[in-house]
Amino acid sequence: MRALRVRPVAPFRTSSLDQDAVKVVRRLTESGFEAYLVGGCVRDMLLGLQPKDFDIATAATPRQVKRLFRNSRVIGRRFRLVHVVFGDKVLEVSTFRALAKPHAAGADPLIREDNVWGTAAEDALRRDFTLNGLFYDIASGEVIDYVSGLRDLDRRCIETIGNPSVRFREDPVRMLRAMKFAGRLGLHLANDVYQAIVDSAADISKASGPRVHEEIVRMLDRGGAASTVSLLEKTGLLGIMLPEVEAVLRTRWAAGETPLTWKRFEALDQMVMSGRQASAALRFAVLFGELIEPITGEDAPDLPPATAAGRIEDVLRPVLARLHMPRRDVWMMKQIWMAQRRLLHLPAARKKPNSALFLRREYFADALRYLMFTAGATGRGQERADAWLAFMRGSIAAGA
């Protein structure tokens, strides 16, 4: 298959390139292996965005990559690849994959193992969406396009590589990735892609809990969370993954109300787009917030802490059984909600030692952000949020 090679024009900025990724690619090519930057980093640079992650695809096998980089480790069983580590940064290096064997009529196409090596062209055809099937050749400064990804980026359209129904059955998590790209990048789903997601939504239950959790973390990570969750609801994916969340949202819509979830996510998106980071615990606290509102919200009864914690556990039990969230994130999320009752009371000078101790809790900043999201969504409590913010700033300035 012939590839389209083009030299990208604005808004592509080579200054966005990660220099450690450039070093990895160059060492691979100098060692005789074909290697390119691939996927999301190429897509983001073509859209004029600063990539967060730089992935590399190469003809070198994982074992050969491991020999070249002492600061690396081979990971994965279903999909074996190499992580090359530079301090806190991890670069993902994958080997070109071969085309999958044709499925027998009526067989489940779910991919359970994907470690057959191939060519760059085959690897591009194995990827999920055309906008992620682009390679960047550092040596020539050209984008290599086997899958019409450049055309679809110009159209701002998300297209699968191949039949969308088959691609989603091969790996149901691809449906969540489509939601993420549409919400985060402001792209639209091709009609056949949207319909295939609606038709295949039930297959998301075949995906492992940790993978679903990881993808939800990513889709709520860099803006567009409100749009993404809206798409999840419209396509039916939310009702299958998180029926408890979908049910409460449906109830709000039926009552003619805009769910607090949307307004909180809009505030979260604004915070993230301004350059501030949001912890995974805060993101999930917003996602599940309306489930917990009757327990810790402003209109909730003033329950003893142990009782409130027990009720939160009861509500979350079925949700957490499916998502397999890390215990640390679960604990932090619970503390964010439990702190809302404490934040209902203004910081008092006569109780300053207790308030100062509360400020030092590791979950305080996220709890205050959650209160600010809620105040903006409901129109109530802004004075409390402002008072706590002023108290926090004053304490920091005083060295408390």
Protein backbone atom coordinates (compact mmCIF):
# COMPACT_ATOMS: atom_id res chain seq x y z
CA MET A 1 0.00 0.00 0.00
CA ARG A 2 1.32 3.42 -0.99
CA ALA A 3 1.37 6.09 1.67
CA LEU A 4 0.64 9.75 1.26
CA ARG A 5 3.64 11.74 2.47
CA VAL A 6 3.19 15.44 3.14
CA ARG A 7 5.15 18.15 4.85
CA PRO A 8 2.73 19.60 7.41
CA VAL A 9 1.99 23.30 7.44
CA ALA A 10 0.66 25.57 10.20
CA PRO A 11 -0.56 25.00 12.86
CA PHE A 12 1.96 22.10 13.09
CA ARG A 13 4.85 23.13 15.35
CA THR A 14 8.01 21.05 15.54
CA SER A 15 8.80 22.99 18.72
CA SER A 16 6.08 20.84 20.32
CA LEU A 17 8.21 17.73 19.85
CA ASP A 18 9.39 15.99 22.99
CA GLN A 19 13.17 15.79 22.81
CA ASP A 20 13.37 12.46 24.65
CA ALA A 21 10.94 10.99 22.12
CA VAL A 22 13.13 12.36 19.32
CA LYS A 23 16.17 10.68 20.89
CA VAL A 24 14.35 7.34 21.11
CA VAL A 25 13.27 7.48 17.47
CA ARG A 26 16.77 8.45 16.32
CA ARG A 27 18.46 5.68 18.27
CA LEU A 28 16.05 3.15 16.77
CA THR A 29 16.61 4.39 13.21
CA GLU A 30 20.40 4.61 13.70
CA SER A 31 20.27 0.98 14.85
CA GLY A 32 18.62 -0.01 11.56
CA PHE A 33 14.95 -0.07 12.65
CA GLU A 34 12.17 1.89 10.99
CA ALA A 35 10.60 4.15 13.63
CA TYR A 36 8.11 7.02 13.77
CA LEU A 37 6.11 9.13 16.16
CA VAL A 38 2.54 7.89 15.90
CA GLY A 39 -1.03 8.45 16.96
CA GLY A 40 -2.26 11.13 19.30
CA CYS A 41 0.88 13.27 19.35
CA VAL A 42 0.83 13.60 15.55
CA ARG A 43 -2.91 14.30 15.57
CA ASP A 44 -2.59 16.96 18.29
CA MET A 45 0.31 18.74 16.57
CA LEU A 46 -1.69 18.85 13.32
CA LEU A 47 -4.56 20.41 15.27
CA GLY A 48 -2.21 23.00 16.77
CA LEU A 49 -2.38 21.48 20.25
CA GLN A 50 0.45 20.63 22.65
CA PRO A 51 0.60 16.82 22.91
CA LYS A 52 0.62 15.34 26.38
CA ASP A 53 1.93 11.91 25.39
CA PHE A 54 4.39 10.90 22.68
CA ASP A 55 4.09 7.34 21.38
CA ILE A 56 6.52 5.61 19.04
CA ALA A 57 5.95 2.78 16.57
CA THR A 58 8.87 0.77 15.22
CA ALA A 59 9.88 -2.34 13.33
CA ALA A 60 12.00 -3.39 16.33
CA THR A 61 10.52 -6.12 18.52
CA PRO A 62 9.99 -5.47 22.24
CA ARG A 63 13.09 -7.53 23.04
CA GLN A 64 15.20 -5.52 20.56
CA VAL A 65 13.90 -2.23 21.98
CA LYS A 66 14.72 -3.43 25.49
CA ARG A 67 18.31 -4.16 24.44
CA LEU A 68 18.73 -0.62 23.07
CA PHE A 69 17.37 1.20 26.13
CA ARG A 70 18.54 0.25 29.60
CA ASN A 71 15.92 2.61 31.05
CA SER A 72 13.07 0.48 29.70
CA ARG A 73 10.74 -2.35 30.62
CA VAL A 74 8.55 -4.68 28.58
CA ILE A 75 4.91 -4.66 29.68
CA GLY A 76 1.63 -6.30 28.68
CA ARG A 77 0.56 -9.75 27.64
CA ARG A 78 -2.42 -9.18 25.35
CA PHE A 79 -0.55 -6.27 23.73
CA ARG A 80 3.18 -6.38 24.43
CA LEU A 81 5.10 -3.10 24.25
CA VAL A 82 7.98 -1.24 25.89
CA HIS A 83 7.99 1.68 28.30
CA VAL A 84 11.14 3.82 28.06
CA VAL A 85 11.47 5.85 31.25
CA PHE A 86 12.98 9.32 31.61
CA GLY A 87 12.46 10.40 35.23
CA ASP A 88 8.71 10.85 35.70
CA LYS A 89 8.10 10.62 31.95
CA VAL A 90 7.19 7.33 30.25
CA LEU A 91 7.41 6.94 26.46
CA GLU A 92 5.47 4.05 24.95
CA VAL A 93 7.19 2.12 22.15
CA SER A 94 5.11 -0.42 20.23
CA THR A 95 6.12 -2.83 17.48
CA PHE A 96 4.30 -2.65 14.14
CA ARG A 97 1.36 -5.11 14.27
CA ALA A 98 0.27 -7.36 11.42
CA LEU A 99 -3.25 -7.40 10.03
CA ALA A 100 -5.67 -9.58 11.99
CA LYS A 101 -6.76 -12.86 10.46
CA PRO A 102 -10.27 -12.84 8.95
CA HIS A 103 -12.98 -13.93 11.36
CA ALA A 104 -15.13 -16.95 10.65
CA ALA A 105 -18.76 -16.14 9.97
CA GLY A 106 -20.59 -15.59 13.27
CA ALA A 107 -17.39 -15.70 15.35
CA ASP A 108 -16.73 -13.17 18.09
CA PRO A 109 -14.02 -10.83 16.70
CA LEU A 110 -12.92 -9.69 20.19
CA ILE A 111 -9.11 -9.36 20.16
CA ARG A 112 -7.62 -11.39 23.00
CA GLU A 113 -3.99 -11.32 21.86
CA ASP A 114 -2.20 -8.94 19.51
CA ASN A 115 1.50 -9.76 19.31
CA VAL A 116 2.03 -10.68 15.64
CA TRP A 117 4.52 -8.28 14.10
CA GLY A 118 3.99 -6.58 10.73
CA THR A 119 4.82 -3.51 8.65
CA ALA A 120 4.12 0.19 9.17
CA ALA A 121 1.28 0.04 6.62
CA GLU A 122 -0.31 -2.94 8.38
CA ASP A 123 0.11 -1.26 11.73
CA ALA A 124 -1.69 1.86 10.50
CA LEU A 125 -4.59 -0.27 9.27
CA ARG A 126 -4.82 -2.01 12.67
CA ARG A 127 -5.35 1.26 14.56
CA ASP A 128 -8.76 2.43 15.69
CA PHE A 129 -9.46 5.77 14.00
CA THR A 130 -7.99 7.45 10.95
CA LEU A 131 -6.92 10.46 12.99
CA ASN A 132 -4.78 8.11 15.12
CA GLY A 133 -3.27 6.24 12.15
CA LEU A 134 -0.80 8.96 11.16
CA PHE A 135 2.99 8.61 11.45
CA TYR A 136 5.53 11.44 11.68
CA ASP A 137 8.95 10.84 10.15
CA ILE A 138 11.39 12.93 12.19
CA ALA A 139 14.19 12.57 9.63
CA SER A 140 12.21 13.86 6.63
CA GLY A 141 9.78 16.10 8.53
CA GLU A 142 6.85 14.42 6.77
CA VAL A 143 3.52 13.01 7.94
CA ILE A 144 2.89 9.53 6.53
CA ASP A 145 -0.79 8.78 5.91
CA TYR A 146 -1.96 5.28 4.94
CA VAL A 147 -5.57 5.73 6.11
CA SER A 148 -6.83 9.15 4.90
CA GLY A 149 -6.38 10.57 8.38
CA LEU A 150 -5.34 13.97 7.05
CA ARG A 151 -8.56 14.21 5.05
CA ASP A 152 -10.67 13.36 8.11
CA LEU A 153 -8.81 15.86 10.29
CA ASP A 154 -9.60 18.54 7.72
CA ARG A 155 -13.26 17.46 7.92
CA ARG A 156 -12.99 17.37 11.75
CA CYS A 157 -14.62 13.97 11.56
CA ILE A 158 -13.98 10.78 13.54
CA GLU A 159 -13.91 7.77 11.19
CA THR A 160 -12.88 4.24 12.05
CA ILE A 161 -10.29 2.40 9.98
CA GLY A 162 -12.54 -0.24 8.45
CA ASN A 163 -16.07 -1.26 9.39
CA PRO A 164 -16.96 0.49 12.68
CA SER A 165 -19.19 -2.35 13.90
CA VAL A 166 -16.33 -4.84 13.49
CA ARG A 167 -13.75 -2.52 15.03
CA PHE A 168 -15.90 -1.94 18.12
CA ARG A 169 -16.59 -5.64 18.50
CA GLU A 170 -12.85 -6.31 18.27
CA ASP A 171 -12.23 -3.91 21.15
CA PRO A 172 -15.28 -2.31 22.82
CA VAL A 173 -13.10 0.27 24.61
CA ARG A 174 -12.70 1.94 21.21
CA MET A 175 -16.23 3.28 21.67
CA LEU A 176 -15.10 5.17 24.77
CA ARG A 177 -12.09 6.51 22.89
CA ALA A 178 -14.40 7.85 20.18
CA MET A 179 -16.41 9.65 22.88
CA LYS A 180 -13.22 11.08 24.36
CA PHE A 181 -11.90 12.46 21.07
CA ALA A 182 -15.26 13.95 20.12
CA GLY A 183 -15.64 15.68 23.49
CA ARG A 184 -12.06 16.80 24.00
CA LEU A 185 -11.19 17.87 20.46
CA GLY A 186 -14.57 19.21 19.38
CA LEU A 187 -14.82 16.72 16.49
CA HIS A 188 -17.97 15.02 15.24
CA LEU A 189 -18.64 11.31 14.84
CA ALA A 190 -19.27 10.02 11.33
CA ASN A 191 -22.87 8.82 10.97
CA ASP A 192 -21.91 5.15 10.64
CA VAL A 193 -19.58 5.43 13.63
CA TYR A 194 -22.30 6.94 15.81
CA GLN A 195 -24.83 4.29 14.78
CA ALA A 196 -22.33 1.48 15.35
CA ILE A 197 -21.74 2.73 18.90
CA VAL A 198 -25.50 2.79 19.57
CA ASP A 199 -25.83 -0.74 18.16
CA SER A 200 -22.73 -2.11 19.94
CA ALA A 201 -23.08 -0.30 23.29
CA ALA A 202 -23.88 -3.52 25.18
CA ASP A 203 -20.46 -4.93 24.19
CA ILE A 204 -18.77 -2.49 26.57
CA SER A 205 -19.62 -4.99 29.32
CA LYS A 206 -17.04 -7.34 27.73
CA ALA A 207 -14.23 -4.89 28.44
CA SER A 208 -12.24 -5.29 31.65
CA GLY A 209 -13.08 -3.00 34.56
CA PRO A 210 -9.54 -1.55 34.81
CA ARG A 211 -9.49 -0.62 31.11
CA VAL A 212 -12.90 1.05 31.33
CA HIS A 213 -11.76 2.92 34.45
CA GLU A 214 -8.56 4.07 32.74
CA GLU A 215 -10.47 5.36 29.71
CA ILE A 216 -12.99 7.23 31.88
CA VAL A 217 -10.08 8.88 33.71
CA ARG A 218 -8.68 10.02 30.36
CA MET A 219 -11.97 11.26 28.94
CA LEU A 220 -12.48 13.49 31.98
CA ASP A 221 -8.88 14.68 31.99
CA ARG A 222 -8.26 17.52 29.52
CA GLY A 223 -11.45 19.43 28.90
CA GLY A 224 -14.60 18.40 27.09
CA ALA A 225 -15.82 16.26 30.00
CA ALA A 226 -19.34 17.71 29.84
CA SER A 227 -19.62 17.02 26.10
CA THR A 228 -18.16 13.55 26.51
CA VAL A 229 -20.55 12.47 29.25
CA SER A 230 -23.43 13.89 27.22
CA LEU A 231 -22.41 11.67 24.29
CA LEU A 232 -22.11 8.67 26.61
CA GLU A 233 -25.68 9.29 27.72
CA LYS A 234 -27.07 9.76 24.19
CA THR A 235 -25.45 6.61 22.78
CA GLY A 236 -26.52 4.38 25.68
CA LEU A 237 -23.00 3.66 26.86
CA LEU A 238 -23.50 5.46 30.17
CA GLY A 239 -26.57 3.40 31.01
CA ILE A 240 -24.64 0.17 30.50
CA MET A 241 -21.42 1.20 32.26
CA LEU A 242 -22.93 3.27 35.07
CA PRO A 243 -26.70 2.65 35.21
CA GLU A 244 -26.95 4.34 38.62
CA VAL A 245 -25.55 7.61 37.22
CA GLU A 246 -27.69 7.39 34.09
CA ALA A 247 -30.85 6.82 36.17
CA VAL A 248 -30.40 9.92 38.31
CA LEU A 249 -29.61 12.04 35.25
CA ARG A 250 -32.70 10.72 33.49
CA THR A 251 -34.80 11.64 36.52
CA ARG A 252 -33.44 15.20 36.48
CA TRP A 253 -34.14 15.62 32.77
CA ALA A 254 -37.65 14.20 33.17
CA ALA A 255 -38.33 16.79 35.88
CA GLY A 256 -37.25 19.56 33.51
CA GLU A 257 -34.05 20.22 35.45
CA THR A 258 -30.47 20.46 34.23
CA PRO A 259 -28.47 17.94 36.29
CA LEU A 260 -25.84 19.37 38.60
CA THR A 261 -23.45 16.92 36.92
CA TRP A 262 -23.38 18.95 33.71
CA LYS A 263 -22.83 22.26 35.47
CA ARG A 264 -20.09 20.80 37.65
CA PHE A 265 -18.38 19.28 34.63
CA GLU A 266 -18.54 22.62 32.81
CA ALA A 267 -16.77 24.21 35.79
CA LEU A 268 -14.24 21.36 35.84
CA ASP A 269 -13.59 21.85 32.12
CA GLN A 270 -13.01 25.57 32.62
CA MET A 271 -10.54 24.82 35.41
CA VAL A 272 -8.63 22.28 33.32
CA MET A 273 -8.57 24.48 30.22
CA SER A 274 -7.09 27.31 32.32
CA GLY A 275 -4.07 25.10 32.94
CA ARG A 276 -4.89 23.74 36.40
CA GLN A 277 -4.89 20.00 36.92
CA ALA A 278 -7.75 17.98 38.36
CA SER A 279 -7.08 14.83 40.35
CA ALA A 280 -8.76 11.58 39.34
CA ALA A 281 -10.59 11.64 42.69
CA LEU A 282 -12.10 15.06 41.93
CA ARG A 283 -13.16 13.98 38.44
CA PHE A 284 -14.94 10.92 39.78
CA ALA A 285 -16.44 12.91 42.65
CA VAL A 286 -18.12 15.08 40.00
CA LEU A 287 -19.20 12.06 37.94
CA PHE A 288 -20.84 10.32 40.91
CA GLY A 289 -21.75 13.48 42.80
CA GLU A 290 -25.51 13.40 42.25
CA LEU A 291 -25.65 9.86 43.63
CA ILE A 292 -24.19 11.18 46.89
CA GLU A 293 -26.09 14.50 46.98
CA PRO A 294 -28.84 13.13 49.28
CA ILE A 295 -26.13 12.19 51.81
CA THR A 296 -23.70 15.12 51.83
CA GLY A 297 -25.45 17.91 49.87
CA GLU A 298 -26.58 21.18 51.40
CA ASP A 299 -30.18 19.93 51.76
CA ALA A 300 -29.16 16.54 53.17
CA PRO A 301 -29.90 15.70 56.81
CA ASP A 302 -27.06 16.37 59.25
CA LEU A 303 -25.92 12.77 59.71
CA PRO A 304 -23.18 11.58 62.05
CA PRO A 305 -19.98 11.07 60.03
CA ALA A 306 -19.98 7.30 60.50
CA THR A 307 -23.57 7.06 59.28
CA ALA A 308 -22.88 9.24 56.25
CA ALA A 309 -19.77 7.21 55.40
CA GLY A 310 -21.75 3.98 55.64
CA ARG A 311 -24.44 5.27 53.29
CA ILE A 312 -21.82 6.41 50.78
CA GLU A 313 -20.33 2.90 50.89
CA ASP A 314 -23.75 1.38 50.16
CA VAL A 315 -24.34 3.65 47.16
CA LEU A 316 -20.88 3.14 45.67
CA ARG A 317 -20.56 -0.63 46.19
CA PRO A 318 -22.07 -1.76 42.85
CA VAL A 319 -20.33 1.02 40.93
CA LEU A 320 -16.88 0.26 42.31
CA ALA A 321 -17.36 -3.46 41.75
CA ARG A 322 -17.49 -2.76 38.02
CA LEU A 323 -14.82 -0.06 37.69
CA HIS A 324 -12.02 -1.38 39.95
CA MET A 325 -10.92 2.12 40.98
CA PRO A 326 -7.66 2.34 42.95
CA ARG A 327 -8.33 2.35 46.70
CA ARG A 328 -6.43 5.60 47.12
CA ASP A 329 -8.70 7.41 44.65
CA VAL A 330 -11.81 5.93 46.27
CA TRP A 331 -10.69 7.14 49.70
CA MET A 332 -9.92 10.65 48.40
CA MET A 333 -13.26 10.83 46.58
CA LYS A 334 -15.14 9.94 49.77
CA GLN A 335 -13.23 12.57 51.74
CA ILE A 336 -14.14 15.24 49.15
CA TRP A 337 -17.84 14.49 49.72
CA MET A 338 -17.59 14.11 53.49
CA ALA A 339 -15.79 17.48 53.73
CA GLN A 340 -18.78 19.25 52.17
CA ARG A 341 -20.63 19.13 55.52
CA ARG A 342 -17.65 20.75 57.22
CA LEU A 343 -17.48 23.42 54.50
CA LEU A 344 -21.10 24.39 55.09
CA HIS A 345 -19.86 26.29 58.15
CA LEU A 346 -17.76 29.41 57.71
CA PRO A 347 -14.22 29.32 59.11
CA ALA A 348 -14.48 30.98 62.52
CA ALA A 349 -11.67 32.95 64.18
CA ARG A 350 -12.44 31.39 67.55
CA LYS A 351 -11.98 27.96 65.98
CA LYS A 352 -8.99 28.92 63.92
CA PRO A 353 -6.76 26.04 65.12
CA ASN A 354 -9.38 23.51 64.05
CA SER A 355 -9.96 25.28 60.74
CA ALA A 356 -6.20 25.48 60.13
CA LEU A 357 -5.91 21.74 60.76
CA PHE A 358 -8.72 21.13 58.26
CA LEU A 359 -6.81 23.19 55.67
CA ARG A 360 -3.84 20.84 55.95
CA ARG A 361 -5.85 17.78 55.00
CA GLU A 362 -4.61 16.47 51.64
CA TYR A 363 -8.13 16.41 50.26
CA PHE A 364 -8.99 19.99 51.31
CA ALA A 365 -8.10 21.71 48.01
CA ASP A 366 -10.22 19.25 45.99
CA ALA A 367 -13.07 19.51 48.50
CA LEU A 368 -13.04 23.31 48.17
CA ARG A 369 -13.01 23.05 44.36
CA TYR A 370 -16.01 20.72 44.55
CA LEU A 371 -17.82 23.25 46.76
CA MET A 372 -17.04 25.99 44.24
CA PHE A 373 -18.36 23.83 41.38
CA THR A 374 -21.56 23.22 43.36
CA ALA A 375 -21.97 26.90 44.24
CA GLY A 376 -21.69 27.83 40.58
CA ALA A 377 -24.17 25.11 39.61
CA THR A 378 -26.82 25.88 42.25
CA GLY A 379 -26.33 29.61 42.80
CA ARG A 380 -26.01 28.90 46.53
CA GLY A 381 -23.00 28.79 48.82
CA GLN A 382 -20.67 31.09 46.92
CA GLU A 383 -20.07 33.20 50.02
CA ARG A 384 -18.93 30.10 51.93
CA ALA A 385 -16.62 29.07 49.10
CA ASP A 386 -15.16 32.59 48.96
CA ALA A 387 -14.72 32.68 52.74
CA TRP A 388 -12.85 29.37 52.79
CA LEU A 389 -10.72 30.42 49.81
CA ALA A 390 -9.80 33.68 51.56
CA PHE A 391 -9.08 31.80 54.78
CA MET A 392 -6.83 29.35 52.93
CA ARG A 393 -4.92 32.13 51.18
CA GLY A 394 -4.55 34.06 54.41
CA SER A 395 -3.24 30.98 56.21
CA ILE A 396 -0.73 30.30 53.45
CA ALA A 397 0.45 33.90 53.52
CA ALA A 398 0.83 33.71 57.31
CA GLY A 399 2.78 30.46 57.02
CA ALA A 400 0.14 28.48 58.92
